[in-house]
Protein backbone atom coordinates (compact mmCIF):
# COMPACT_ATOMS: atom_id res chain seq x y z
CA MET A 1 52.92 33.12 4.10
CA ILE A 2 50.46 30.78 2.43
CA ASN A 3 51.62 29.37 -0.92
CA THR A 4 48.35 29.59 -2.88
CA ASN A 5 49.85 27.96 -5.95
CA GLN A 6 50.83 24.88 -3.93
CA LEU A 7 47.35 24.80 -2.37
CA LYS A 8 45.77 24.89 -5.82
CA LYS A 9 48.04 22.07 -6.99
CA THR A 10 47.15 19.98 -3.96
CA ARG A 11 43.46 20.69 -4.50
CA ALA A 12 43.70 19.59 -8.14
CA GLU A 13 45.35 16.29 -7.10
CA LEU A 14 42.65 15.63 -4.49
CA LYS A 15 39.93 16.43 -6.97
CA ASP A 16 41.44 14.11 -9.58
CA ARG A 17 41.49 11.29 -7.05
CA ALA A 18 37.86 11.91 -6.00
CA GLU A 19 36.71 12.13 -9.62
CA ALA A 20 38.57 8.86 -10.40
CA LEU A 21 36.75 7.06 -7.56
CA ASN A 22 33.38 8.36 -8.66
CA GLU A 23 34.00 7.65 -12.37
CA ARG A 24 35.07 4.08 -11.68
CA SER A 25 31.90 3.51 -9.64
CA ARG A 26 29.71 5.12 -12.32
CA THR A 27 31.18 3.26 -15.34
CA THR A 28 31.33 -0.15 -13.66
CA GLY A 29 28.01 0.15 -11.85
CA VAL A 30 29.70 -1.05 -8.67
CA LEU A 31 29.18 0.95 -5.44
CA LEU A 32 32.17 2.28 -3.58
CA THR A 33 33.48 0.01 -0.84
CA GLU A 34 33.35 1.18 2.75
CA ALA A 35 37.06 2.07 2.61
CA GLU A 36 36.56 3.98 -0.62
CA ASN A 37 33.57 5.83 0.88
CA VAL A 38 35.74 6.92 3.78
CA GLU A 39 38.50 7.99 1.41
CA PHE A 40 36.03 9.90 -0.79
CA VAL A 41 34.56 11.81 2.15
CA GLY A 42 38.09 12.61 3.38
CA LEU A 43 39.05 13.94 -0.07
CA VAL A 44 35.97 16.16 -0.24
CA LYS A 45 36.64 17.53 3.23
CA GLN A 46 40.28 18.29 2.37
CA ILE A 47 39.12 20.11 -0.76
CA GLU A 48 36.72 22.15 1.38
CA VAL A 49 39.47 23.11 3.83
CA ILE A 50 41.68 24.27 0.97
CA ASN A 51 38.82 26.20 -0.59
CA GLN A 52 38.12 27.95 2.69
CA THR A 53 41.77 28.90 3.03
CA LEU A 54 41.97 30.21 -0.49
CA ASP A 55 38.75 32.20 0.02
CA GLN A 56 40.65 34.32 2.55
CA HIS A 57 43.28 35.36 0.04
CA ALA A 58 42.49 37.43 -3.02
CA ALA A 59 45.00 35.58 -5.17
CA GLY A 60 43.23 32.28 -4.60
CA ALA A 61 39.61 33.38 -4.04
CA VAL A 62 36.96 30.99 -5.31
CA LEU A 63 33.31 32.09 -5.43
CA ALA A 64 31.10 29.90 -3.22
CA ASP A 65 28.70 28.97 -6.05
CA GLU A 66 31.63 27.99 -8.31
CA ARG A 67 33.05 25.84 -5.54
CA ASP A 68 29.69 24.10 -5.09
CA GLN A 69 29.54 23.41 -8.82
CA GLN A 70 33.06 21.92 -8.75
CA LEU A 71 32.09 19.61 -5.90
CA ALA A 72 28.74 18.73 -7.44
CA ARG A 73 30.55 17.24 -10.47
CA ILE A 74 32.39 14.74 -8.31
CA ILE A 75 29.59 13.90 -5.85
CA PRO A 76 27.50 10.84 -6.81
CA SER A 77 23.78 11.21 -7.40
CA ILE A 78 21.61 11.78 -4.34
CA PRO A 79 18.42 9.71 -3.76
CA GLY A 80 15.14 11.45 -4.24
CA SER A 81 16.09 13.01 -7.54
CA GLY A 82 15.15 9.86 -9.49
CA ALA A 83 18.74 8.94 -10.30
CA GLY A 84 21.58 7.05 -8.69
CA ASP A 85 21.57 4.50 -5.91
CA PRO A 86 20.20 5.31 -2.43
CA PHE A 87 23.42 3.96 -0.94
CA ALA A 88 25.60 6.47 -2.77
CA ILE A 89 27.75 8.70 -0.56
CA ARG A 90 26.28 12.10 0.32
CA VAL A 91 27.81 15.37 1.48
CA PRO A 92 26.08 18.63 2.50
CA ARG A 93 26.60 20.38 -0.85
CA ASN A 94 24.76 21.01 -4.05
CA ALA A 95 24.90 23.22 -7.13
CA GLY A 96 22.21 25.82 -7.66
CA GLY A 97 19.55 23.91 -5.81
CA ALA A 98 19.75 20.93 -8.19
CA ASN A 99 19.64 18.46 -5.32
CA GLY A 100 16.76 19.98 -3.43
CA LEU A 101 18.47 22.68 -1.33
CA PRO A 102 17.70 26.36 -1.95
CA GLY A 103 20.86 27.75 -3.55
CA SER A 104 24.14 26.58 -2.02
CA PHE A 105 24.64 25.14 1.41
CA SER A 106 26.92 28.09 2.08
CA GLU A 107 23.77 30.25 2.27
CA ALA A 108 22.71 28.53 5.45
CA ILE A 109 26.23 28.70 6.85
CA ASN A 110 26.49 32.42 6.16
CA PHE A 111 23.02 33.00 7.61
CA ALA A 112 23.88 31.18 10.84
CA ARG A 113 27.12 33.13 11.20
CA THR A 114 25.90 36.62 10.32
CA GLY A 115 22.07 36.57 10.37
CA GLN A 116 22.02 38.24 6.94
CA LEU A 117 18.79 37.86 5.01
CA ALA A 118 20.24 37.92 1.51
CA ALA A 119 19.33 34.25 0.92
CA PRO A 120 15.88 33.84 -0.72
CA SER A 121 14.87 31.33 1.95
CA ALA A 122 15.67 33.68 4.88
CA SER A 123 13.12 35.97 6.53
CA LEU A 124 12.38 37.94 9.70
CA THR A 125 9.98 36.64 12.30
CA GLU A 126 7.44 38.72 14.21
CA SER A 127 9.84 38.87 17.18
CA GLY A 128 12.62 40.28 15.02
CA ASP A 129 14.61 37.06 14.94
CA ALA A 130 15.74 35.66 11.57
CA GLN A 131 14.76 32.31 10.08
CA TYR A 132 16.23 30.17 7.31
CA THR A 133 13.92 27.55 5.76
CA PHE A 134 15.21 24.37 4.19
CA PRO A 135 12.88 22.59 1.74
CA ALA A 136 10.87 19.52 2.64
CA THR A 137 13.15 17.35 0.49
CA LEU A 138 16.01 18.00 2.95
CA PRO A 139 15.66 14.66 4.79
CA ILE A 140 16.34 12.85 1.54
CA ASN A 141 18.90 15.14 -0.08
CA PHE A 142 20.80 16.33 2.99
CA LEU A 143 21.88 13.05 4.56
CA GLN A 144 25.32 13.46 6.12
CA ALA A 145 28.43 11.67 4.93
CA PHE A 146 29.46 10.78 8.51
CA GLY A 147 26.96 8.02 9.15
CA GLN A 148 23.68 9.83 9.85
CA VAL A 149 20.93 8.12 7.88
CA ASP A 150 17.18 8.26 7.42
CA ALA A 151 16.85 4.50 7.67
CA LEU A 152 13.37 3.89 6.29
CA ALA A 153 13.91 6.41 3.47
CA LEU A 154 17.15 4.65 2.52
CA ALA A 155 15.27 1.35 2.49
CA GLY A 156 12.92 2.78 -0.14
CA ALA A 157 9.99 4.17 1.90
CA THR A 158 7.55 6.50 0.09
CA VAL A 159 8.43 10.05 1.21
CA HIS A 160 5.77 12.75 1.03
CA ALA A 161 7.75 15.99 1.00
CA GLN A 162 5.53 19.03 1.30
CA ASP A 163 6.79 22.59 0.97
CA GLY A 164 4.72 25.43 2.33
CA VAL A 165 2.21 23.21 4.16
CA ALA A 166 1.08 24.22 7.65
CA GLY A 167 2.09 21.84 10.39
CA ALA A 168 -1.49 21.30 11.54
CA THR A 169 -2.66 20.18 8.11
CA LEU A 170 -3.30 16.44 7.87
CA LEU A 171 -1.97 14.45 4.95
CA LYS A 172 -4.16 11.53 3.89
CA VAL A 173 -2.79 8.47 2.11
CA ASN A 174 -4.69 5.50 0.74
CA ILE A 175 -3.59 1.98 1.62
CA LEU A 176 -4.74 -0.70 -0.84
CA ALA A 177 -4.99 -4.22 0.56
CA PRO A 178 -5.46 -7.00 -2.05
CA GLY A 179 -8.86 -8.68 -2.32
CA THR A 180 -9.49 -12.40 -2.17
CA ASP A 181 -7.78 -14.75 -4.60
CA ALA A 182 -9.47 -16.01 -7.71
CA THR A 183 -10.89 -19.53 -7.51
CA THR A 184 -12.06 -22.15 -10.04
CA TYR A 185 -15.71 -22.66 -10.99
CA ALA A 186 -17.58 -25.21 -13.11
CA GLU A 187 -18.70 -24.14 -16.56
CA GLY A 188 -21.94 -22.19 -16.38
CA SER A 189 -21.24 -20.86 -12.90
CA GLY A 190 -19.04 -18.09 -11.47
CA PRO A 191 -18.23 -16.02 -8.41
CA SER A 192 -21.13 -14.49 -6.59
CA SER A 193 -19.34 -12.62 -3.75
CA THR A 194 -17.10 -9.61 -4.09
CA SER A 195 -13.34 -9.90 -4.28
CA ASP A 196 -12.80 -6.16 -4.10
CA PRO A 197 -9.58 -4.94 -2.48
CA THR A 198 -9.86 -3.01 0.77
CA ILE A 199 -9.00 0.69 0.60
CA SER A 200 -8.06 2.30 3.88
CA THR A 201 -7.32 6.02 4.33
CA LEU A 202 -4.70 6.94 6.89
CA SER A 203 -4.00 10.47 8.15
CA ILE A 204 -0.40 11.47 8.76
CA ALA A 205 -0.08 14.16 11.37
CA VAL A 206 3.36 15.65 12.14
CA ALA A 207 5.38 16.08 15.29
CA LYS A 208 7.94 18.84 15.76
CA TYR A 209 11.54 17.85 16.48
CA GLY A 210 14.13 20.43 17.51
CA LEU A 211 17.28 21.37 19.37
CA LEU A 212 18.87 24.64 20.55
CA LEU A 213 22.50 25.74 20.45
CA GLN A 214 23.96 28.84 22.14
CA PRO A 215 27.40 29.55 20.65
CA THR A 216 29.09 32.85 21.48
CA GLU A 217 29.27 35.55 18.84
CA GLU A 218 33.06 35.43 18.97
CA LEU A 219 33.17 31.73 18.21
CA LEU A 220 30.90 32.10 15.14
CA GLU A 221 33.06 34.96 13.87
CA ASP A 222 36.53 33.76 14.75
CA VAL A 223 36.74 29.98 14.61
CA GLN A 224 37.29 28.77 11.07
CA GLY A 225 34.75 26.17 10.00
CA LEU A 226 32.86 26.15 13.34
CA THR A 227 29.59 27.44 11.90
CA GLU A 228 29.60 24.84 9.10
CA SER A 229 30.24 22.08 11.64
CA LEU A 230 27.48 23.35 13.93
CA VAL A 231 24.87 23.52 11.17
CA SER A 232 25.86 20.17 9.62
CA GLU A 233 26.00 18.31 12.90
CA SER A 234 22.79 19.85 14.27
CA LEU A 235 20.77 19.06 11.14
CA ALA A 236 22.10 15.51 11.25
CA ARG A 237 21.05 15.16 14.92
CA VAL A 238 17.53 16.40 14.20
CA LEU A 239 17.14 14.10 11.17
CA ASN A 240 18.54 11.19 13.10
CA SER A 241 15.96 11.80 15.86
CA VAL A 242 13.20 11.72 13.23
CA SER A 243 14.61 8.51 11.80
CA LYS A 244 14.73 6.85 15.22
CA ALA A 245 11.11 7.80 15.85
CA ASP A 246 10.12 6.42 12.44
CA VAL A 247 11.80 3.10 13.10
CA ALA A 248 10.34 2.77 16.61
CA ALA A 249 6.83 3.45 15.34
CA PHE A 250 7.27 1.00 12.46
CA LYS A 251 8.40 -1.77 14.78
CA ALA A 252 5.42 -1.19 17.03
CA SER A 253 3.05 -1.25 14.04
CA LEU A 254 4.48 -4.55 12.73
CA LEU A 255 4.23 -6.17 16.14
CA ALA A 256 0.63 -5.00 16.61
CA ALA A 257 -0.34 -6.38 13.17
CA GLY A 258 1.38 -9.73 13.85
CA ALA A 259 3.78 -9.21 10.93
CA VAL A 260 6.50 -11.17 12.72
CA THR A 261 8.16 -14.49 12.03
CA ASP A 262 9.00 -17.25 14.46
CA VAL A 263 12.55 -17.23 15.75
CA THR A 264 15.06 -19.96 16.39
CA THR A 265 18.66 -19.93 17.53
CA ASP A 266 19.73 -20.23 13.86
CA ALA A 267 20.17 -16.94 12.04
CA TYR A 268 20.25 -18.70 8.66
CA THR A 269 16.84 -20.32 9.17
CA ASP A 270 15.35 -17.13 10.59
CA THR A 271 16.51 -15.16 7.56
CA LEU A 272 15.04 -17.69 5.10
CA GLN A 273 11.70 -17.32 6.90
CA LEU A 274 11.84 -13.57 6.42
CA VAL A 275 12.69 -13.66 2.72
CA ASP A 276 10.31 -16.50 1.81
CA GLY A 277 7.55 -15.08 3.99
CA ILE A 278 7.02 -12.08 1.67
CA ALA A 279 4.05 -12.64 -0.62
CA THR A 280 4.76 -12.65 -4.36
CA ILE A 281 2.85 -9.43 -4.96
CA PHE A 282 5.31 -7.57 -2.70
CA ARG A 283 8.51 -9.15 -4.00
CA ARG A 284 10.90 -6.75 -5.73
CA ALA A 285 14.60 -6.70 -6.49
CA SER A 286 14.62 -3.43 -4.53
CA ASN A 287 13.45 -5.09 -1.28
CA ARG A 288 15.86 -4.52 1.58
CA PHE A 289 16.85 -5.56 5.07
CA ILE A 290 16.97 -3.17 8.04
CA MET A 291 18.89 -4.29 11.12
CA SER A 292 21.03 -2.97 13.93
CA PRO A 293 24.85 -3.13 13.84
CA VAL A 294 24.64 -5.89 16.48
CA SER A 295 22.48 -8.05 14.19
CA HIS A 296 24.81 -7.21 11.31
CA MET A 297 27.68 -8.53 13.39
CA VAL A 298 25.79 -11.81 13.87
CA TYR A 299 25.43 -12.15 10.10
CA MET A 300 29.14 -11.39 9.58
CA ASN A 301 29.86 -14.43 11.74
CA THR A 302 27.21 -16.72 10.15
CA ARG A 303 27.80 -19.26 7.36
CA ASP A 304 25.50 -21.43 5.26
CA LEU A 305 25.47 -25.23 5.15
CA ASN A 306 28.43 -25.18 2.73
CA ASN A 307 30.48 -23.03 5.13
CA ARG A 308 30.14 -19.91 2.95
CA PRO A 309 29.67 -16.49 4.61
CA LEU A 310 26.07 -15.25 4.43
CA LEU A 311 27.10 -11.66 3.74
CA ASP A 312 28.35 -10.92 0.22
CA PHE A 313 30.66 -7.93 -0.13
CA SER A 314 31.67 -8.66 -3.72
CA ALA A 315 29.06 -6.29 -5.18
CA GLY A 316 30.38 -3.32 -3.17
CA GLY A 317 28.62 -1.36 -0.43
CA GLY A 318 29.90 -1.12 3.11
CA ASN A 319 27.15 -3.32 4.63
CA GLY A 320 27.32 -6.15 2.13
CA ARG A 321 24.32 -7.97 0.66
CA LEU A 322 22.24 -10.73 2.20
CA PHE A 323 20.60 -13.31 -0.14
CA GLY A 324 21.11 -10.72 -2.92
CA TYR A 325 19.42 -7.84 -1.05
CA ASP A 326 20.97 -4.60 0.28
CA ILE A 327 21.16 -3.88 4.00
CA VAL A 328 20.35 -0.65 5.87
CA LEU A 329 21.72 -0.25 9.40
CA ALA A 330 19.67 1.43 12.13
CA ASP A 331 20.65 1.33 15.81
CA SER A 332 17.01 1.64 16.92
CA MET A 333 16.11 -1.72 15.36
CA GLY A 334 17.53 -3.41 18.46
CA PRO A 335 17.18 -7.21 18.31
CA HIS A 336 14.73 -7.10 15.38
CA VAL A 337 15.52 -7.62 11.71
CA ALA A 338 12.98 -6.46 9.10
CA PHE A 339 12.83 -7.31 5.39
CA GLY A 340 10.56 -6.55 2.51
CA ASN A 341 9.03 -3.88 0.28
CA PHE A 342 9.40 -0.58 2.22
CA GLU A 343 7.98 1.50 -0.64
CA VAL A 344 4.57 -0.07 0.00
CA ALA A 345 4.96 -0.53 3.75
CA CYS A 346 6.09 2.93 4.85
CA HIS A 347 4.79 6.43 4.17
CA LEU A 348 6.97 9.21 5.63
CA ARG A 349 5.89 12.82 5.75
CA ARG A 350 8.43 15.66 5.74
CA LEU A 351 7.75 19.40 6.06
CA PRO A 352 10.39 22.08 5.64
CA ALA A 353 13.10 22.21 8.29
CA THR A 354 14.03 25.58 9.75
CA LEU A 355 17.06 27.25 11.30
CA LEU A 356 15.98 30.10 13.60
CA ARG A 357 18.64 32.64 14.63
CA LEU A 358 17.72 34.14 18.01
CA ASN A 359 19.50 37.49 17.94
CA GLU A 360 18.40 38.98 21.27
CA ALA A 361 17.28 36.20 23.63
CA TYR A 362 20.83 35.38 24.82
CA ARG A 363 22.67 38.58 23.94
CA GLU A 364 23.27 39.55 27.57
CA ASP A 365 25.45 36.45 27.85
CA GLY A 366 27.22 37.27 24.57
CA LYS A 367 25.56 34.37 22.81
CA ILE A 368 23.46 33.74 19.72
CA GLY A 369 20.69 31.14 19.74
CA LEU A 370 20.52 28.68 16.83
CA ARG A 371 17.34 26.63 16.93
CA PHE A 372 16.84 23.78 14.45
CA THR A 373 13.39 22.26 13.90
CA GLN A 374 11.88 19.62 11.63
CA ARG A 375 8.23 18.56 11.36
CA ALA A 376 7.75 14.95 10.37
CA GLY A 377 5.24 12.11 10.59
CA ARG A 378 4.65 8.58 9.35
CA ALA A 379 1.99 5.95 8.57
CA PHE A 380 2.33 2.29 7.69
CA TYR A 381 0.60 -0.40 5.67
CA SER A 382 0.44 -2.43 8.88
CA ASP A 383 -1.57 0.38 10.52
CA ALA A 384 -4.38 -0.26 8.06
CA VAL A 385 -4.09 -4.03 7.46
CA THR A 386 -4.10 -5.52 10.93
CA ASP A 387 -5.46 -9.04 10.28
CA PRO A 388 -2.72 -11.42 11.59
CA GLY A 389 -3.32 -13.65 8.56
CA ALA A 390 -3.01 -10.91 5.96
CA ASP A 391 -0.01 -10.60 3.67
CA GLN A 392 2.36 -7.83 4.70
CA PRO A 393 4.94 -6.09 2.49
CA VAL A 394 7.48 -6.16 5.33
CA LEU A 395 8.03 -8.84 7.93
CA MET A 396 10.13 -8.67 11.12
CA THR A 397 11.79 -11.23 13.31
CA GLY A 398 10.82 -11.76 16.95
CA THR A 399 12.57 -10.00 19.81
CA ASN A 400 15.00 -12.80 20.60
CA TRP A 401 16.41 -13.14 17.12
CA GLY A 402 19.94 -14.50 16.98
CA SER A 403 20.05 -15.38 20.67
């Protein structure tokens, strides 16, 4: 027999601990450490397990929307809403759509499990299958707490999220390249040639990313928490595929434009060239590094001329800071390290993601099809400004960095 009173007491203790972690981070302005992030995620997951158990018993039932609101109060701000830090921890929850999802995340879970169309974002297709549509802001506001990241978005890229836009529609963005510098002239004379900036228009088409699952009907109905895990993990895999494609395209664009620095066998010197190579007009306190975990390991083992570690973990954040700038990790960076102003350098396009429930296609095998899709595209400053001598908002090291 489940002791609901004891479960409620345990839940209250877990919630108090999670709230304490978040409140300390909020009041001090210091991000949670990597260990604290792991602890926070664990606390939230334990709260969820208890909530799911209590939901099955009338004496401890908690309405899904109320539960979301409880969690929302202890979850730090999510990027894209104009508040908080982009390195704050994220979990797949929200309250009343406040963080960009339509209603509660439990709507999508219930839809995947039952196919019910009660959610406002669910509808029937022409074939009779059912579809749930997430908003275009999902790639920003639905980053998973277990390490799945949208690397360029986390680095500060400009994200064009478009709801209700057909996939074939092109999005056009204007790239403004600075004109020539001002020069000195003798009195009575002045410039006679134009110094106008160059305005280039880039079109961002979208590609469709997707994956298909075929769980059995019995599993969706009987295994506690399976549907939530399937939906969370599958969305994370789709978004991670989009992120990898973004990073690969960005690297290729930087290489083609010659936005690379010379490399040596000295990581310290190479990093100085990156930071100092950014033109003044692109320098911001919000500039960031993107690198692979392998490159990050090199930095963890690198010291300056006074034998001090290059990475600074005193300000919080699991990846540390390098020369005062935050670090984003992305496996697909490979041997390259990039640094600079990603807001100017990268334009990412996101259309609504969908979850299609295929009710009949696999019924003979006793299975339900769950198909996840996301349409996304990208364009870069270095696609428009290709002169090797031009200033670029982001620079990247050569392929043999750190060797």
